[in-house]
N, C-alpha and C. Protein backbone atom coordinates (compact mmCIF):
# COMPACT_ATOMS: atom_id res chain seq x y z
N UNK A 1 -34.17 6.59 28.61
CA UNK A 1 -34.91 6.83 27.37
C UNK A 1 -34.04 7.77 26.41
N UNK A 2 -33.46 8.78 26.97
CA UNK A 2 -32.63 9.71 26.20
C UNK A 2 -31.38 9.00 25.74
N UNK A 3 -30.87 8.17 26.59
CA UNK A 3 -29.68 7.46 26.28
C UNK A 3 -29.91 6.47 25.11
N UNK A 4 -31.13 5.77 25.14
CA UNK A 4 -31.48 4.90 24.02
C UNK A 4 -31.63 5.64 22.76
N UNK A 5 -32.22 6.83 22.78
CA UNK A 5 -32.44 7.58 21.57
C UNK A 5 -31.07 7.99 20.97
N UNK A 6 -30.08 8.36 21.81
CA UNK A 6 -28.77 8.77 21.29
C UNK A 6 -28.15 7.50 20.69
N UNK A 7 -28.24 6.37 21.20
CA UNK A 7 -27.54 5.17 20.66
C UNK A 7 -28.21 4.82 19.32
N UNK A 8 -29.52 4.96 19.26
CA UNK A 8 -30.25 4.65 18.07
C UNK A 8 -29.93 5.70 16.94
N UNK A 9 -29.64 6.89 17.24
CA UNK A 9 -29.31 7.93 16.26
C UNK A 9 -27.93 7.90 15.83
N UNK A 10 -27.02 7.29 16.51
CA UNK A 10 -25.59 7.24 16.14
C UNK A 10 -25.46 6.36 14.83
N UNK A 11 -24.71 6.88 13.92
CA UNK A 11 -24.43 6.18 12.71
C UNK A 11 -23.44 5.14 13.05
N UNK A 12 -23.55 3.89 12.53
CA UNK A 12 -22.53 2.87 12.76
C UNK A 12 -21.22 3.34 12.00
N UNK A 13 -20.05 3.02 12.59
CA UNK A 13 -18.85 3.34 11.92
C UNK A 13 -18.64 2.39 10.75
N UNK A 14 -18.23 2.98 9.67
CA UNK A 14 -18.08 2.13 8.48
C UNK A 14 -16.76 1.45 8.57
N UNK A 15 -16.78 0.12 8.47
CA UNK A 15 -15.51 -0.64 8.48
C UNK A 15 -15.35 -1.15 7.07
N UNK A 16 -14.59 -0.53 6.23
CA UNK A 16 -14.42 -0.86 4.87
C UNK A 16 -13.45 -2.01 4.67
N UNK A 17 -12.69 -2.27 5.72
CA UNK A 17 -11.74 -3.39 5.63
C UNK A 17 -12.38 -4.65 6.26
N UNK A 18 -12.12 -5.75 5.62
CA UNK A 18 -12.65 -7.06 6.30
C UNK A 18 -11.81 -7.32 7.46
N UNK A 19 -12.42 -8.06 8.44
CA UNK A 19 -11.64 -8.43 9.69
C UNK A 19 -10.33 -9.17 9.45
N UNK A 20 -10.28 -9.88 8.31
CA UNK A 20 -9.05 -10.63 8.02
C UNK A 20 -7.92 -9.86 7.24
N UNK A 21 -8.37 -8.63 6.86
CA UNK A 21 -7.35 -7.87 6.08
C UNK A 21 -6.45 -7.12 7.10
N UNK A 22 -5.12 -7.24 6.77
CA UNK A 22 -4.13 -6.66 7.59
C UNK A 22 -4.01 -5.14 7.31
N UNK A 23 -3.82 -4.37 8.40
CA UNK A 23 -3.63 -2.98 8.24
C UNK A 23 -2.08 -2.68 8.07
N UNK A 24 -1.87 -1.88 7.05
CA UNK A 24 -0.46 -1.59 6.74
C UNK A 24 -0.17 -0.14 7.24
N UNK A 25 1.11 0.12 7.55
CA UNK A 25 1.55 1.40 8.02
C UNK A 25 1.68 2.35 6.88
N UNK A 26 1.26 3.61 7.06
CA UNK A 26 1.41 4.69 6.12
C UNK A 26 0.39 4.77 5.00
N UNK A 27 -0.67 4.01 5.06
CA UNK A 27 -1.74 3.99 4.06
C UNK A 27 -3.14 4.16 4.66
N UNK A 28 -4.09 4.58 3.85
CA UNK A 28 -5.45 4.59 4.29
C UNK A 28 -6.39 4.43 3.13
N UNK A 29 -7.60 4.11 3.38
CA UNK A 29 -8.51 3.82 2.31
C UNK A 29 -9.53 5.10 2.21
N UNK A 30 -9.72 5.56 1.00
CA UNK A 30 -10.66 6.65 0.65
C UNK A 30 -12.11 6.04 0.77
N UNK A 31 -13.05 6.89 0.91
CA UNK A 31 -14.46 6.48 0.91
C UNK A 31 -14.91 5.70 -0.34
N UNK A 32 -14.31 6.03 -1.43
CA UNK A 32 -14.64 5.41 -2.69
C UNK A 32 -13.83 4.21 -3.01
N UNK A 33 -13.00 3.74 -2.09
CA UNK A 33 -12.30 2.47 -2.27
C UNK A 33 -10.85 2.51 -2.67
N UNK A 34 -10.37 3.64 -3.06
CA UNK A 34 -8.91 3.76 -3.48
C UNK A 34 -8.01 3.83 -2.24
N UNK A 35 -6.83 3.29 -2.34
CA UNK A 35 -5.90 3.25 -1.21
C UNK A 35 -4.94 4.37 -1.52
N UNK A 36 -4.53 5.23 -0.46
CA UNK A 36 -3.57 6.29 -0.63
C UNK A 36 -2.48 6.07 0.33
N UNK A 37 -1.28 6.56 -0.13
CA UNK A 37 -0.07 6.48 0.78
C UNK A 37 0.56 7.86 0.93
N UNK A 38 1.05 8.22 2.11
CA UNK A 38 1.77 9.43 2.31
C UNK A 38 2.66 9.17 3.53
N UNK A 39 3.72 10.08 3.62
CA UNK A 39 4.65 9.87 4.74
C UNK A 39 5.07 11.29 5.14
N UNK A 40 5.32 11.46 6.44
CA UNK A 40 5.79 12.75 6.96
C UNK A 40 7.24 12.82 6.75
N UNK A 41 7.73 14.01 6.39
CA UNK A 41 9.16 14.24 6.22
C UNK A 41 9.75 14.35 7.59
N UNK A 42 10.95 13.85 7.77
CA UNK A 42 11.62 13.96 9.07
C UNK A 42 11.88 15.33 9.48
N UNK A 43 11.66 15.65 10.65
CA UNK A 43 11.81 16.99 11.24
C UNK A 43 11.17 18.10 10.65
N UNK A 44 10.04 17.82 9.93
CA UNK A 44 9.22 18.82 9.30
C UNK A 44 7.75 18.47 9.55
N UNK A 45 6.92 19.40 9.32
CA UNK A 45 5.46 19.16 9.48
C UNK A 45 4.82 18.69 8.18
N UNK A 46 5.59 18.88 7.14
CA UNK A 46 5.01 18.56 5.77
C UNK A 46 4.97 17.08 5.47
N UNK A 47 4.14 16.67 4.57
CA UNK A 47 4.04 15.31 4.17
C UNK A 47 4.42 15.14 2.68
N UNK A 48 4.86 13.95 2.36
CA UNK A 48 5.12 13.64 0.95
C UNK A 48 3.98 12.74 0.49
N UNK A 49 3.29 13.19 -0.54
CA UNK A 49 2.23 12.41 -1.04
C UNK A 49 2.77 11.38 -2.03
N UNK A 50 2.43 10.08 -1.82
CA UNK A 50 3.00 8.94 -2.46
C UNK A 50 2.02 8.46 -3.54
N UNK A 51 0.82 8.92 -3.63
CA UNK A 51 -0.15 8.50 -4.61
C UNK A 51 -1.35 7.66 -4.21
N UNK A 52 -2.28 7.39 -5.06
CA UNK A 52 -3.37 6.56 -4.72
C UNK A 52 -3.33 5.34 -5.68
N UNK A 53 -3.79 4.21 -5.08
CA UNK A 53 -3.66 2.93 -5.68
C UNK A 53 -4.86 2.10 -5.59
N UNK A 54 -5.03 1.10 -6.41
CA UNK A 54 -6.22 0.23 -6.32
C UNK A 54 -6.16 -0.77 -5.23
N UNK A 55 -4.98 -1.15 -4.77
CA UNK A 55 -4.80 -2.12 -3.76
C UNK A 55 -4.05 -1.58 -2.56
N UNK A 56 -4.35 -2.16 -1.40
CA UNK A 56 -3.65 -1.79 -0.19
C UNK A 56 -2.18 -2.22 -0.30
N UNK A 57 -1.89 -3.34 -0.91
CA UNK A 57 -0.57 -3.84 -1.07
C UNK A 57 0.33 -2.85 -1.82
N UNK A 58 -0.16 -2.31 -2.92
CA UNK A 58 0.51 -1.38 -3.73
C UNK A 58 0.84 -0.16 -2.98
N UNK A 59 -0.19 0.40 -2.24
CA UNK A 59 0.06 1.61 -1.44
C UNK A 59 1.10 1.37 -0.32
N UNK A 60 1.06 0.15 0.28
CA UNK A 60 1.99 -0.20 1.27
C UNK A 60 3.40 -0.26 0.77
N UNK A 61 3.55 -0.82 -0.38
CA UNK A 61 4.87 -1.04 -1.01
C UNK A 61 5.44 0.39 -1.45
N UNK A 62 4.54 1.27 -1.85
CA UNK A 62 4.96 2.65 -2.14
C UNK A 62 5.49 3.34 -0.84
N UNK A 63 4.73 3.17 0.20
CA UNK A 63 5.17 3.65 1.51
C UNK A 63 6.52 3.14 1.93
N UNK A 64 6.70 1.80 1.79
CA UNK A 64 7.98 1.16 2.15
C UNK A 64 9.06 1.75 1.35
N UNK A 65 8.92 1.97 0.08
CA UNK A 65 9.92 2.58 -0.70
C UNK A 65 10.34 3.94 -0.14
N UNK A 66 9.36 4.77 0.13
CA UNK A 66 9.65 6.11 0.64
C UNK A 66 10.30 6.07 1.96
N UNK A 67 9.78 5.26 2.90
CA UNK A 67 10.38 5.27 4.25
C UNK A 67 11.87 4.69 4.18
N UNK A 68 12.12 3.76 3.29
CA UNK A 68 13.37 3.22 3.14
C UNK A 68 14.37 4.27 2.75
N UNK A 69 13.98 5.11 1.66
CA UNK A 69 14.86 6.17 1.26
C UNK A 69 14.98 7.24 2.36
N UNK A 70 14.01 7.52 3.08
CA UNK A 70 14.08 8.57 4.14
C UNK A 70 14.86 8.15 5.35
N UNK A 71 14.65 6.91 5.84
CA UNK A 71 15.18 6.50 7.13
C UNK A 71 16.26 5.39 7.07
N UNK A 72 16.47 4.91 5.85
CA UNK A 72 17.53 3.93 5.69
C UNK A 72 17.12 2.45 6.05
N UNK A 73 18.06 1.62 6.11
CA UNK A 73 17.75 0.09 6.32
C UNK A 73 17.20 -0.20 7.69
N UNK A 74 17.22 0.75 8.64
CA UNK A 74 16.67 0.52 9.97
C UNK A 74 15.14 0.83 10.01
N UNK A 75 14.55 1.33 8.93
CA UNK A 75 13.22 1.70 8.91
C UNK A 75 12.23 0.50 9.19
N UNK A 76 11.13 0.77 9.74
CA UNK A 76 10.12 -0.26 10.00
C UNK A 76 9.22 -0.40 8.72
N UNK A 77 9.26 -1.52 8.10
CA UNK A 77 8.60 -1.63 6.81
C UNK A 77 7.42 -2.60 6.87
N UNK A 78 6.52 -2.49 5.93
CA UNK A 78 5.39 -3.40 5.80
C UNK A 78 5.88 -4.74 5.23
N UNK A 79 6.72 -4.64 4.20
CA UNK A 79 7.30 -5.74 3.47
C UNK A 79 8.79 -5.72 3.43
N UNK A 80 9.47 -6.02 4.57
CA UNK A 80 10.97 -5.84 4.58
C UNK A 80 11.66 -6.65 3.57
N UNK A 81 11.07 -7.83 3.20
CA UNK A 81 11.81 -8.73 2.24
C UNK A 81 11.75 -8.20 0.83
N UNK A 82 10.77 -7.28 0.53
CA UNK A 82 10.56 -6.78 -0.86
C UNK A 82 11.33 -5.55 -1.23
N UNK A 83 11.84 -4.84 -0.24
CA UNK A 83 12.41 -3.54 -0.47
C UNK A 83 13.64 -3.57 -1.53
N UNK A 84 14.52 -4.60 -1.24
CA UNK A 84 15.70 -4.69 -2.11
C UNK A 84 15.35 -5.19 -3.55
N UNK A 85 14.26 -5.95 -3.58
CA UNK A 85 13.76 -6.44 -4.93
C UNK A 85 13.18 -5.35 -5.72
N UNK A 86 12.73 -4.27 -5.07
CA UNK A 86 12.16 -3.15 -5.85
C UNK A 86 13.17 -2.28 -6.49
N UNK A 87 14.44 -2.59 -6.41
CA UNK A 87 15.49 -1.77 -7.02
C UNK A 87 15.95 -0.73 -6.13
N UNK A 88 15.78 -0.80 -4.80
CA UNK A 88 16.30 0.13 -3.87
C UNK A 88 17.69 -0.32 -3.45
N UNK A 89 18.55 -0.12 -4.28
CA UNK A 89 19.90 -0.69 -4.09
C UNK A 89 20.69 0.01 -2.96
N UNK A 90 20.16 1.08 -2.58
CA UNK A 90 20.93 1.78 -1.49
C UNK A 90 21.34 3.17 -1.84
N UNK A 91 21.27 3.57 -3.09
CA UNK A 91 21.79 4.94 -3.45
C UNK A 91 20.71 5.91 -2.87
N UNK A 92 21.25 6.93 -2.18
CA UNK A 92 20.39 7.94 -1.65
C UNK A 92 19.67 7.51 -0.36
N UNK A 93 20.05 6.42 0.29
CA UNK A 93 19.34 5.97 1.45
C UNK A 93 19.73 6.78 2.67
N UNK A 94 18.79 7.06 3.48
CA UNK A 94 19.03 7.80 4.75
C UNK A 94 18.83 9.26 4.79
N UNK A 95 18.04 9.79 3.83
CA UNK A 95 17.68 11.17 3.92
C UNK A 95 18.34 12.12 3.03
N UNK A 96 19.13 11.72 2.13
CA UNK A 96 19.82 12.63 1.25
C UNK A 96 19.16 12.76 -0.16
N UNK A 97 17.84 12.42 -0.24
CA UNK A 97 17.15 12.46 -1.54
C UNK A 97 16.06 13.54 -1.39
N UNK A 98 15.69 14.19 -2.48
CA UNK A 98 14.62 15.19 -2.46
C UNK A 98 13.27 14.51 -2.28
N UNK A 99 12.33 15.28 -1.90
CA UNK A 99 10.95 14.76 -1.71
C UNK A 99 10.36 14.36 -3.12
N UNK A 100 10.70 15.13 -4.11
CA UNK A 100 10.22 14.84 -5.43
C UNK A 100 10.76 13.49 -5.93
N UNK A 101 11.99 13.28 -5.67
CA UNK A 101 12.64 11.97 -6.15
C UNK A 101 12.05 10.78 -5.32
N UNK A 102 11.85 11.01 -4.02
CA UNK A 102 11.27 9.96 -3.22
C UNK A 102 9.85 9.66 -3.77
N UNK A 103 9.09 10.71 -3.96
CA UNK A 103 7.74 10.47 -4.47
C UNK A 103 7.71 9.71 -5.74
N UNK A 104 8.61 10.09 -6.72
CA UNK A 104 8.76 9.41 -7.99
C UNK A 104 9.05 7.89 -7.82
N UNK A 105 10.10 7.62 -7.03
CA UNK A 105 10.48 6.22 -6.81
C UNK A 105 9.28 5.38 -6.20
N UNK A 106 8.66 5.99 -5.20
CA UNK A 106 7.53 5.28 -4.51
C UNK A 106 6.35 5.05 -5.49
N UNK A 107 6.09 6.14 -6.34
CA UNK A 107 4.96 5.94 -7.30
C UNK A 107 5.29 4.83 -8.31
N UNK A 108 6.53 4.74 -8.75
CA UNK A 108 6.95 3.73 -9.74
C UNK A 108 6.69 2.32 -9.12
N UNK A 109 7.11 2.11 -7.89
CA UNK A 109 6.88 0.84 -7.23
C UNK A 109 5.43 0.57 -7.05
N UNK A 110 4.68 1.49 -6.56
CA UNK A 110 3.27 1.30 -6.30
C UNK A 110 2.52 0.99 -7.65
N UNK A 111 2.80 1.64 -8.69
CA UNK A 111 2.20 1.45 -9.92
C UNK A 111 2.54 0.07 -10.50
N UNK A 112 3.79 -0.34 -10.31
CA UNK A 112 4.15 -1.63 -10.82
C UNK A 112 3.48 -2.79 -10.05
N UNK A 113 3.40 -2.63 -8.74
CA UNK A 113 2.69 -3.60 -7.93
C UNK A 113 1.27 -3.71 -8.31
N UNK A 114 0.55 -2.55 -8.49
CA UNK A 114 -0.78 -2.55 -8.87
C UNK A 114 -0.96 -3.31 -10.23
N UNK A 115 -0.09 -3.07 -11.20
CA UNK A 115 -0.17 -3.71 -12.49
C UNK A 115 0.01 -5.22 -12.30
N UNK A 116 1.03 -5.58 -11.51
CA UNK A 116 1.21 -7.03 -11.30
C UNK A 116 0.14 -7.77 -10.70
N UNK A 117 -0.51 -7.11 -9.65
CA UNK A 117 -1.68 -7.69 -9.02
C UNK A 117 -2.88 -7.79 -9.92
N UNK A 118 -3.08 -6.76 -10.81
CA UNK A 118 -4.18 -6.78 -11.77
C UNK A 118 -3.95 -7.91 -12.79
N UNK A 119 -2.75 -8.06 -13.26
CA UNK A 119 -2.41 -9.14 -14.14
C UNK A 119 -2.66 -10.52 -13.53
N UNK A 120 -2.27 -10.70 -12.35
CA UNK A 120 -2.49 -11.93 -11.60
C UNK A 120 -4.01 -12.24 -11.47
N UNK A 121 -4.75 -11.27 -11.13
CA UNK A 121 -6.24 -11.40 -11.03
C UNK A 121 -6.83 -11.78 -12.34
N UNK A 122 -6.37 -11.22 -13.43
CA UNK A 122 -6.93 -11.56 -14.76
C UNK A 122 -6.56 -12.98 -15.09
N UNK A 123 -5.36 -13.44 -14.74
CA UNK A 123 -4.98 -14.79 -15.04
C UNK A 123 -5.79 -15.79 -14.24
N UNK A 124 -6.10 -15.52 -12.98
CA UNK A 124 -6.94 -16.37 -12.16
C UNK A 124 -8.37 -16.44 -12.73
N UNK A 125 -8.84 -15.25 -13.14
CA UNK A 125 -10.19 -15.19 -13.79
C UNK A 125 -10.35 -16.08 -15.02
N UNK A 126 -9.26 -16.27 -15.80
CA UNK A 126 -9.29 -17.04 -16.99
C UNK A 126 -9.14 -18.53 -16.80
N UNK A 127 -8.73 -18.91 -15.58
CA UNK A 127 -8.56 -20.35 -15.30
C UNK A 127 -9.89 -21.00 -15.34
N UNK A 128 -9.97 -22.16 -16.03
CA UNK A 128 -11.17 -22.96 -16.00
C UNK A 128 -11.10 -23.94 -14.89
N UNK A 129 -11.92 -23.81 -13.86
CA UNK A 129 -11.77 -24.67 -12.65
C UNK A 129 -12.23 -26.09 -12.97
N UNK A 130 -12.72 -26.39 -14.09
CA UNK A 130 -13.20 -27.69 -14.46
C UNK A 130 -11.99 -28.51 -15.09
N UNK A 131 -10.96 -27.81 -15.48
CA UNK A 131 -9.82 -28.46 -15.98
C UNK A 131 -8.87 -28.95 -14.90
N UNK A 132 -8.15 -29.97 -15.15
CA UNK A 132 -7.20 -30.56 -14.23
C UNK A 132 -5.94 -29.60 -14.20
N UNK A 133 -5.22 -29.59 -13.10
CA UNK A 133 -4.05 -28.72 -13.03
C UNK A 133 -2.98 -29.04 -14.09
N UNK A 134 -2.94 -30.32 -14.52
CA UNK A 134 -1.94 -30.67 -15.56
C UNK A 134 -2.15 -29.87 -16.92
N UNK A 135 -3.44 -29.49 -17.11
CA UNK A 135 -3.75 -28.75 -18.33
C UNK A 135 -3.09 -27.45 -18.39
N UNK A 136 -2.74 -26.90 -17.19
CA UNK A 136 -2.05 -25.61 -17.07
C UNK A 136 -0.59 -25.72 -16.81
N UNK A 137 -0.09 -26.94 -16.84
CA UNK A 137 1.36 -27.13 -16.56
C UNK A 137 1.75 -27.00 -15.08
N UNK A 138 0.71 -27.27 -14.25
CA UNK A 138 0.97 -27.16 -12.78
C UNK A 138 1.36 -28.47 -12.20
C-alpha cells in the first residue's frame, strides 16, 4: 500500500524530446524549449558558454565548431561533414585559441544555422500543396 502511494505521488519525468529525435553531444534543452550549448575547457573545470538557440541542430553545430577549435580534427563531432563548410579552415585548431574567440566563432555558426532553418521553414509554409511540383520548378 505504501509502495503504491509512492508510485502514484511520483511525478512523471518530462520527456521534451520526441522518441525519433536524435540526441546531440554538448547540448541540452531548457524547460521553456530553447536549446543551449556549452563545452568544458580542456584541463580546467570551467566551461565555455556557446549560447542558446531555437533548434537542436543549431546548438549542436555551435558545439561542433567549439570542439573542433579546442581538440582539432580528431574531435568527435555531431556533424563531421559540416565543420569545414562552416569556415573552420584550420586556423587556431587544437587549443591555441582563447575561450572568447571560440565562443564567438561557435555563436556565429549557431546563429547562421538557426537563421537558415527558420528561412527553410518559412519557405515550406508558403508552399501550396495543391499545386504541382512543376509550378515551383521542381
